[in-house]
Amino acid sequence: MKRLTNRKRVGTLDEMIKTINQYTQGWIQYYKDGELKTFLAKQMEYLRHRLRALIWKRWKKVDTKYRQLKARGASHKEAMTYANSRKQYWRISKSKLLNRIFSKEKFKQWKLKDFIEILEK
């Protein structure tokens, strides 16, 4: 999973999600006979967390972070606070604001397949 979501990886988020979907679908189909449900739920949380950190890293400048947060529904105060934060990518990606902006539904809109849904097919 770390190789697929490397922060230095080039390409668009759509390309990355497509690759992740292909990789995980094959992996789940291969191992689906075992007890995977709780493991896959944790892996899905971890993947969304990594993608949030990756998105935050790609918004390198304070101005970009502010504009992107405002465009996605954050208030002026929230956007200023988070855009000017010097906390690391991983820590910011755990925040309530980024979890609200990049929710499970948002990742579904971006066509990221849920591991549990793949397992149950």
Protein backbone atom coordinates (compact mmCIF):
# COMPACT_ATOMS: atom_id res chain seq x y z
CA MET A 1 0.00 0.00 0.00
CA LYS A 2 2.86 2.37 0.79
CA ARG A 3 4.35 1.81 -2.65
CA LEU A 4 1.05 2.68 -4.33
CA THR A 5 0.56 5.85 -2.28
CA ASN A 6 4.12 7.12 -2.22
CA ARG A 7 4.15 10.87 -1.57
CA LYS A 8 6.78 11.40 -4.28
CA ARG A 9 4.71 9.57 -6.87
CA VAL A 10 3.89 11.58 -9.97
CA GLY A 11 0.55 11.55 -11.73
CA THR A 12 -2.97 12.58 -10.98
CA LEU A 13 -5.10 11.39 -8.10
CA ASP A 14 -7.43 9.66 -10.59
CA GLU A 15 -4.55 7.58 -11.98
CA MET A 16 -3.47 6.64 -8.47
CA ILE A 17 -6.99 5.60 -7.46
CA LYS A 18 -7.33 3.51 -10.63
CA THR A 19 -4.07 1.69 -9.85
CA ILE A 20 -5.10 1.15 -6.22
CA ASN A 21 -8.47 -0.26 -7.31
CA GLN A 22 -6.82 -2.73 -9.71
CA TYR A 23 -4.23 -3.85 -7.18
CA THR A 24 -6.63 -4.29 -4.27
CA GLN A 25 -9.31 -6.05 -6.29
CA GLY A 26 -6.83 -8.71 -7.37
CA TRP A 27 -5.37 -9.01 -3.89
CA ILE A 28 -8.80 -9.40 -2.25
CA GLN A 29 -9.96 -11.97 -4.80
CA TYR A 30 -6.82 -14.00 -4.15
CA TYR A 31 -7.16 -13.97 -0.34
CA LYS A 32 -10.95 -13.84 0.07
CA ASP A 33 -11.27 -17.30 1.62
CA GLY A 34 -9.78 -16.11 4.93
CA GLU A 35 -11.20 -13.82 7.60
CA LEU A 36 -10.48 -10.48 6.03
CA LYS A 37 -13.32 -8.15 6.96
CA THR A 38 -11.76 -6.39 9.99
CA PHE A 39 -8.33 -6.32 8.38
CA LEU A 40 -9.76 -4.75 5.22
CA ALA A 41 -11.73 -2.16 7.21
CA LYS A 42 -8.51 -1.05 8.93
CA GLN A 43 -6.65 -1.03 5.61
CA MET A 44 -9.37 1.12 4.04
CA GLU A 45 -9.10 3.66 6.89
CA TYR A 46 -5.32 3.68 6.48
CA LEU A 47 -5.58 4.18 2.71
CA ARG A 48 -7.96 7.13 3.05
CA HIS A 49 -5.62 8.63 5.66
CA ARG A 50 -2.64 8.28 3.28
CA LEU A 51 -4.57 9.82 0.42
CA ARG A 52 -5.55 12.80 2.59
CA ALA A 53 -1.89 13.28 3.54
CA LEU A 54 -0.87 13.04 -0.12
CA ILE A 55 -3.45 15.63 -1.17
CA TRP A 56 -2.32 17.96 1.63
CA LYS A 57 1.32 17.55 0.55
CA ARG A 58 0.48 18.41 -3.06
CA TRP A 59 -1.03 21.71 -1.92
CA LYS A 60 2.43 23.04 -1.14
CA LYS A 61 1.79 26.73 -0.58
CA VAL A 62 -0.29 28.40 2.12
CA ASP A 63 -2.34 30.26 -0.50
CA THR A 64 -3.14 27.03 -2.35
CA LYS A 65 -4.18 25.30 0.86
CA TYR A 66 -6.40 28.22 1.82
CA ARG A 67 -8.09 28.43 -1.60
CA GLN A 68 -8.65 24.67 -1.80
CA LEU A 69 -10.11 24.48 1.70
CA LYS A 70 -12.44 27.44 1.05
CA ALA A 71 -13.56 25.90 -2.25
CA ARG A 72 -14.45 22.69 -0.42
CA GLY A 73 -16.62 24.36 2.21
CA ALA A 74 -14.31 25.33 5.08
CA SER A 75 -14.96 28.61 6.88
CA HIS A 76 -12.47 31.47 6.60
CA LYS A 77 -11.19 30.86 10.14
CA GLU A 78 -10.76 27.11 9.62
CA ALA A 79 -9.08 27.59 6.26
CA MET A 80 -6.64 30.18 7.64
CA THR A 81 -5.83 28.07 10.70
CA TYR A 82 -5.10 24.91 8.75
CA ALA A 83 -3.40 26.59 5.79
CA ASN A 84 -0.94 28.34 8.12
CA SER A 85 -0.35 25.29 10.30
CA ARG A 86 3.18 23.92 10.40
CA LYS A 87 2.10 20.47 11.51
CA GLN A 88 3.25 17.59 9.37
CA TYR A 89 1.15 16.06 6.60
CA TRP A 90 0.31 12.91 8.53
CA ARG A 91 -0.91 14.81 11.58
CA ILE A 92 -2.99 17.30 9.58
CA SER A 93 -4.57 14.45 7.61
CA LYS A 94 -6.05 13.15 10.90
CA SER A 95 -7.87 16.44 11.52
CA LYS A 96 -11.64 16.76 11.69
CA LEU A 97 -11.62 19.33 8.89
CA LEU A 98 -9.83 17.13 6.37
CA ASN A 99 -11.93 14.14 7.42
CA ARG A 100 -15.05 16.20 6.77
CA ILE A 101 -13.83 17.60 3.45
CA PHE A 102 -12.44 14.29 2.19
CA SER A 103 -15.06 11.94 3.58
CA LYS A 104 -15.81 8.37 2.53
CA GLU A 105 -18.45 9.71 0.16
CA LYS A 106 -15.90 12.00 -1.52
CA PHE A 107 -13.58 9.08 -2.15
CA LYS A 108 -16.51 7.12 -3.58
CA GLN A 109 -17.18 10.04 -5.93
CA TRP A 110 -13.57 9.73 -7.02
CA LYS A 111 -14.28 6.03 -7.74
CA LEU A 112 -12.12 4.58 -4.97
CA LYS A 113 -13.58 1.13 -4.38
CA ASP A 114 -14.29 0.09 -0.80
CA PHE A 115 -12.40 -3.10 0.10
CA ILE A 116 -15.37 -4.58 1.98
CA GLU A 117 -17.63 -4.12 -1.06
CA ILE A 118 -15.06 -5.88 -3.26
CA LEU A 119 -14.86 -8.75 -0.75
CA GLU A 120 -18.63 -9.19 -0.60
CA LYS A 121 -19.07 -9.38 -4.38
